[in-house]
Amino acid sequence: MQFKKLVRDKIPDVIEQNGRTPIYHVADNAEFETELIKKLREEVNEYIENQTPEEMIDILEVIIAIYGVKNYDKDKLEELRVKKLQDRGGFFGRIILDETK
């Protein structure tokens, strides 16, 4: 069975525990970044279909990995998030923009 996709770190161990042999490689930075974007799309689509907390956690894990590969500073991202929240608001008001005139 072929996959050719980014998986969580312990998946090769799980495969071995199930009596199968995983064949994998460790991605370089460029491949890792590309695969993280694919994984983010995959996880968002899974969340859209299932809307479970587990799927939401998968999205967060991918975002955390993207922090690392992009060398983003979590504190700086939080600062930017809060600034955008202050400037434009969040989504708590449930506002649906129907049109502008």
N, C-alpha and C. Protein backbone atom coordinates (compact mmCIF):
# COMPACT_ATOMS: atom_id res chain seq x y z
N MET A 1 0.85 -1.17 0.00
CA MET A 1 0.00 0.00 0.00
C MET A 1 0.89 1.24 0.00
N GLN A 2 0.69 2.16 -0.95
CA GLN A 2 1.50 3.37 -1.03
C GLN A 2 0.72 4.57 -0.51
N PHE A 3 1.44 5.46 0.16
CA PHE A 3 0.81 6.65 0.72
C PHE A 3 1.44 7.94 0.21
N LYS A 4 2.76 8.05 0.27
CA LYS A 4 3.48 9.26 -0.14
C LYS A 4 2.91 10.51 0.52
N LYS A 5 2.75 10.47 1.84
CA LYS A 5 2.22 11.64 2.54
C LYS A 5 2.86 11.77 3.91
N LEU A 6 2.84 12.98 4.43
CA LEU A 6 3.36 13.29 5.75
C LEU A 6 2.48 12.62 6.80
N VAL A 7 3.13 11.95 7.75
CA VAL A 7 2.41 11.31 8.85
C VAL A 7 3.03 11.73 10.17
N ARG A 8 2.29 11.51 11.25
CA ARG A 8 2.81 11.82 12.58
C ARG A 8 4.04 10.96 12.88
N ASP A 9 4.89 11.46 13.76
CA ASP A 9 6.20 10.85 14.04
C ASP A 9 6.14 9.39 14.48
N LYS A 10 5.11 9.01 15.20
CA LYS A 10 5.06 7.64 15.75
C LYS A 10 4.34 6.65 14.84
N ILE A 11 3.85 7.08 13.70
CA ILE A 11 3.12 6.19 12.80
C ILE A 11 3.98 5.02 12.32
N PRO A 12 5.27 5.21 11.97
CA PRO A 12 6.06 4.03 11.60
C PRO A 12 6.10 2.97 12.70
N ASP A 13 6.18 3.40 13.97
CA ASP A 13 6.17 2.45 15.09
C ASP A 13 4.84 1.72 15.17
N VAL A 14 3.76 2.43 14.98
CA VAL A 14 2.43 1.82 15.02
C VAL A 14 2.30 0.78 13.91
N ILE A 15 2.80 1.10 12.73
CA ILE A 15 2.75 0.17 11.60
C ILE A 15 3.53 -1.10 11.94
N GLU A 16 4.73 -0.94 12.52
CA GLU A 16 5.53 -2.10 12.91
C GLU A 16 4.83 -2.94 13.97
N GLN A 17 4.19 -2.28 14.93
CA GLN A 17 3.47 -3.01 15.98
C GLN A 17 2.31 -3.82 15.39
N ASN A 18 1.83 -3.40 14.24
CA ASN A 18 0.76 -4.13 13.57
C ASN A 18 1.29 -5.17 12.58
N GLY A 19 2.60 -5.46 12.66
CA GLY A 19 3.19 -6.52 11.86
C GLY A 19 3.52 -6.16 10.43
N ARG A 20 3.53 -4.89 10.11
CA ARG A 20 3.86 -4.46 8.76
C ARG A 20 5.20 -3.71 8.77
N THR A 21 5.77 -3.50 7.62
CA THR A 21 7.05 -2.80 7.52
C THR A 21 6.85 -1.44 6.85
N PRO A 22 7.09 -0.36 7.60
CA PRO A 22 6.96 0.97 6.99
C PRO A 22 8.20 1.31 6.16
N ILE A 23 8.00 1.86 5.01
CA ILE A 23 9.10 2.36 4.20
C ILE A 23 8.88 3.86 4.09
N TYR A 24 9.85 4.63 4.61
CA TYR A 24 9.67 6.08 4.68
C TYR A 24 11.01 6.78 4.57
N HIS A 25 10.98 8.08 4.42
CA HIS A 25 12.19 8.90 4.44
C HIS A 25 11.88 10.16 5.24
N VAL A 26 12.93 10.82 5.67
CA VAL A 26 12.78 12.08 6.40
C VAL A 26 12.89 13.21 5.37
N ALA A 27 11.90 14.07 5.36
CA ALA A 27 11.83 15.16 4.38
C ALA A 27 12.88 16.23 4.66
N ASP A 28 13.41 16.81 3.59
CA ASP A 28 14.24 18.01 3.77
C ASP A 28 13.29 19.19 4.01
N ASN A 29 13.85 20.36 4.26
CA ASN A 29 13.01 21.51 4.61
C ASN A 29 11.99 21.86 3.53
N ALA A 30 12.41 21.86 2.27
CA ALA A 30 11.51 22.23 1.18
C ALA A 30 10.36 21.24 1.05
N GLU A 31 10.68 19.95 1.08
CA GLU A 31 9.63 18.93 0.98
C GLU A 31 8.71 18.99 2.20
N PHE A 32 9.30 19.18 3.38
CA PHE A 32 8.51 19.25 4.61
C PHE A 32 7.49 20.39 4.54
N GLU A 33 7.95 21.55 4.09
CA GLU A 33 7.05 22.70 3.98
C GLU A 33 5.91 22.41 3.00
N THR A 34 6.23 21.83 1.86
CA THR A 34 5.22 21.47 0.87
C THR A 34 4.23 20.47 1.44
N GLU A 35 4.74 19.46 2.13
CA GLU A 35 3.88 18.42 2.69
C GLU A 35 3.02 18.95 3.84
N LEU A 36 3.54 19.91 4.59
CA LEU A 36 2.73 20.51 5.66
C LEU A 36 1.51 21.23 5.09
N ILE A 37 1.70 21.93 3.98
CA ILE A 37 0.58 22.63 3.35
C ILE A 37 -0.45 21.61 2.86
N LYS A 38 0.00 20.53 2.24
CA LYS A 38 -0.92 19.46 1.82
C LYS A 38 -1.65 18.88 3.02
N LYS A 39 -0.91 18.65 4.09
CA LYS A 39 -1.50 18.07 5.30
C LYS A 39 -2.52 19.02 5.91
N LEU A 40 -2.24 20.32 5.89
CA LEU A 40 -3.19 21.29 6.42
C LEU A 40 -4.51 21.22 5.63
N ARG A 41 -4.40 21.18 4.31
CA ARG A 41 -5.62 21.05 3.48
C ARG A 41 -6.38 19.77 3.83
N GLU A 42 -5.63 18.67 3.94
CA GLU A 42 -6.24 17.38 4.26
C GLU A 42 -6.98 17.44 5.59
N GLU A 43 -6.32 17.98 6.60
CA GLU A 43 -6.91 18.02 7.94
C GLU A 43 -8.11 18.97 8.00
N VAL A 44 -8.04 20.10 7.29
CA VAL A 44 -9.19 21.01 7.25
C VAL A 44 -10.37 20.32 6.58
N ASN A 45 -10.13 19.62 5.47
CA ASN A 45 -11.21 18.89 4.81
C ASN A 45 -11.81 17.82 5.71
N GLU A 46 -10.96 17.12 6.45
CA GLU A 46 -11.47 16.10 7.38
C GLU A 46 -12.30 16.75 8.48
N TYR A 47 -11.86 17.92 8.95
CA TYR A 47 -12.65 18.62 9.97
C TYR A 47 -14.01 19.05 9.40
N ILE A 48 -14.02 19.55 8.18
CA ILE A 48 -15.27 19.97 7.55
C ILE A 48 -16.23 18.79 7.47
N GLU A 49 -15.72 17.61 7.13
CA GLU A 49 -16.56 16.41 7.02
C GLU A 49 -17.04 15.90 8.37
N ASN A 50 -16.16 15.90 9.38
CA ASN A 50 -16.47 15.22 10.65
C ASN A 50 -16.74 16.16 11.82
N GLN A 51 -16.14 17.33 11.81
CA GLN A 51 -16.30 18.33 12.86
C GLN A 51 -16.16 17.77 14.28
N THR A 52 -15.05 17.03 14.49
CA THR A 52 -14.77 16.47 15.80
C THR A 52 -13.60 17.21 16.44
N PRO A 53 -13.51 17.18 17.77
CA PRO A 53 -12.36 17.78 18.45
C PRO A 53 -11.04 17.17 17.98
N GLU A 54 -11.04 15.87 17.69
CA GLU A 54 -9.81 15.20 17.24
C GLU A 54 -9.32 15.80 15.92
N GLU A 55 -10.23 16.08 15.02
CA GLU A 55 -9.84 16.68 13.74
C GLU A 55 -9.33 18.11 13.95
N MET A 56 -9.93 18.83 14.89
CA MET A 56 -9.46 20.19 15.21
C MET A 56 -8.03 20.13 15.76
N ILE A 57 -7.74 19.15 16.59
CA ILE A 57 -6.40 18.99 17.15
C ILE A 57 -5.39 18.71 16.04
N ASP A 58 -5.79 17.90 15.05
CA ASP A 58 -4.89 17.62 13.93
C ASP A 58 -4.53 18.91 13.19
N ILE A 59 -5.50 19.79 13.01
CA ILE A 59 -5.23 21.08 12.36
C ILE A 59 -4.23 21.88 13.19
N LEU A 60 -4.45 21.92 14.50
CA LEU A 60 -3.54 22.67 15.37
C LEU A 60 -2.12 22.11 15.34
N GLU A 61 -1.99 20.78 15.31
CA GLU A 61 -0.66 20.16 15.25
C GLU A 61 0.07 20.56 13.97
N VAL A 62 -0.65 20.59 12.86
CA VAL A 62 -0.02 20.99 11.60
C VAL A 62 0.40 22.46 11.67
N ILE A 63 -0.46 23.30 12.23
CA ILE A 63 -0.12 24.72 12.35
C ILE A 63 1.12 24.91 13.23
N ILE A 64 1.21 24.16 14.32
CA ILE A 64 2.39 24.23 15.18
C ILE A 64 3.64 23.81 14.42
N ALA A 65 3.53 22.78 13.59
CA ALA A 65 4.68 22.34 12.78
C ALA A 65 5.07 23.43 11.78
N ILE A 66 4.09 24.11 11.23
CA ILE A 66 4.38 25.21 10.30
C ILE A 66 5.12 26.34 11.02
N TYR A 67 4.72 26.64 12.26
CA TYR A 67 5.48 27.62 13.07
C TYR A 67 6.96 27.29 13.00
N GLY A 68 7.27 26.02 13.26
CA GLY A 68 8.67 25.59 13.35
C GLY A 68 9.40 25.70 12.03
N VAL A 69 8.81 25.21 10.96
CA VAL A 69 9.49 25.21 9.67
C VAL A 69 9.67 26.64 9.13
N LYS A 70 8.77 27.53 9.47
CA LYS A 70 8.86 28.92 9.04
C LYS A 70 9.63 29.78 10.03
N ASN A 71 10.03 29.19 11.14
CA ASN A 71 10.71 29.93 12.22
C ASN A 71 9.88 31.10 12.73
N TYR A 72 8.57 30.90 12.77
CA TYR A 72 7.69 31.93 13.33
C TYR A 72 7.82 31.92 14.85
N ASP A 73 7.75 33.08 15.43
CA ASP A 73 7.78 33.23 16.87
C ASP A 73 6.34 33.19 17.38
N LYS A 74 6.03 32.24 18.26
CA LYS A 74 4.65 32.08 18.75
C LYS A 74 4.15 33.33 19.45
N ASP A 75 5.02 33.97 20.22
CA ASP A 75 4.60 35.20 20.92
C ASP A 75 4.28 36.31 19.92
N LYS A 76 5.08 36.43 18.87
CA LYS A 76 4.84 37.45 17.85
C LYS A 76 3.53 37.15 17.11
N LEU A 77 3.30 35.87 16.80
CA LEU A 77 2.04 35.50 16.15
C LEU A 77 0.85 35.85 17.03
N GLU A 78 0.97 35.60 18.32
CA GLU A 78 -0.11 35.93 19.25
C GLU A 78 -0.34 37.44 19.29
N GLU A 79 0.75 38.21 19.27
CA GLU A 79 0.65 39.68 19.20
C GLU A 79 -0.12 40.11 17.96
N LEU A 80 0.24 39.53 16.82
CA LEU A 80 -0.42 39.85 15.57
C LEU A 80 -1.90 39.45 15.60
N ARG A 81 -2.18 38.29 16.20
CA ARG A 81 -3.56 37.82 16.31
C ARG A 81 -4.39 38.79 17.13
N VAL A 82 -3.85 39.22 18.27
CA VAL A 82 -4.56 40.14 19.16
C VAL A 82 -4.77 41.48 18.46
N LYS A 83 -3.75 41.96 17.75
CA LYS A 83 -3.88 43.24 17.04
C LYS A 83 -4.98 43.15 15.99
N LYS A 84 -5.00 42.06 15.23
CA LYS A 84 -6.04 41.89 14.21
C LYS A 84 -7.41 41.78 14.87
N LEU A 85 -7.47 41.10 16.00
CA LEU A 85 -8.73 40.99 16.75
C LEU A 85 -9.21 42.37 17.19
N GLN A 86 -8.29 43.19 17.68
CA GLN A 86 -8.64 44.55 18.12
C GLN A 86 -9.05 45.42 16.93
N ASP A 87 -8.33 45.31 15.82
CA ASP A 87 -8.59 46.15 14.65
C ASP A 87 -9.85 45.74 13.87
N ARG A 88 -10.04 44.45 13.70
CA ARG A 88 -11.11 43.96 12.82
C ARG A 88 -12.14 43.09 13.53
N GLY A 89 -11.84 42.74 14.78
CA GLY A 89 -12.75 41.88 15.53
C GLY A 89 -12.48 40.41 15.25
N GLY A 90 -13.28 39.58 15.91
CA GLY A 90 -13.16 38.13 15.72
C GLY A 90 -14.38 37.64 14.95
N PHE A 91 -14.80 36.45 15.30
CA PHE A 91 -15.97 35.86 14.65
C PHE A 91 -17.05 35.53 15.67
N PHE A 92 -16.93 36.14 16.85
CA PHE A 92 -17.85 35.83 17.94
C PHE A 92 -19.24 36.41 17.71
N GLY A 93 -19.33 37.48 16.91
CA GLY A 93 -20.61 38.14 16.66
C GLY A 93 -21.49 37.42 15.65
N ARG A 94 -20.95 36.39 15.01
CA ARG A 94 -21.69 35.58 14.04
C ARG A 94 -22.24 36.41 12.88
N ILE A 95 -21.53 37.44 12.50
CA ILE A 95 -22.00 38.37 11.47
C ILE A 95 -21.81 37.77 10.08
N ILE A 96 -22.90 37.72 9.32
CA ILE A 96 -22.86 37.28 7.93
C ILE A 96 -23.10 38.52 7.07
N LEU A 97 -22.11 38.92 6.28
CA LEU A 97 -22.25 40.08 5.40
C LEU A 97 -23.02 39.65 4.16
N ASP A 98 -24.20 40.21 3.99
CA ASP A 98 -25.04 39.84 2.86
C ASP A 98 -24.69 40.63 1.60
N GLU A 99 -24.45 41.92 1.75
CA GLU A 99 -24.06 42.74 0.60
C GLU A 99 -23.61 44.11 1.09
N THR A 100 -23.08 44.89 0.18
CA THR A 100 -22.79 46.30 0.46
C THR A 100 -23.46 47.13 -0.62
N LYS A 101 -23.78 48.38 -0.28
CA LYS A 101 -24.43 49.28 -1.26
C LYS A 101 -23.65 50.57 -1.33
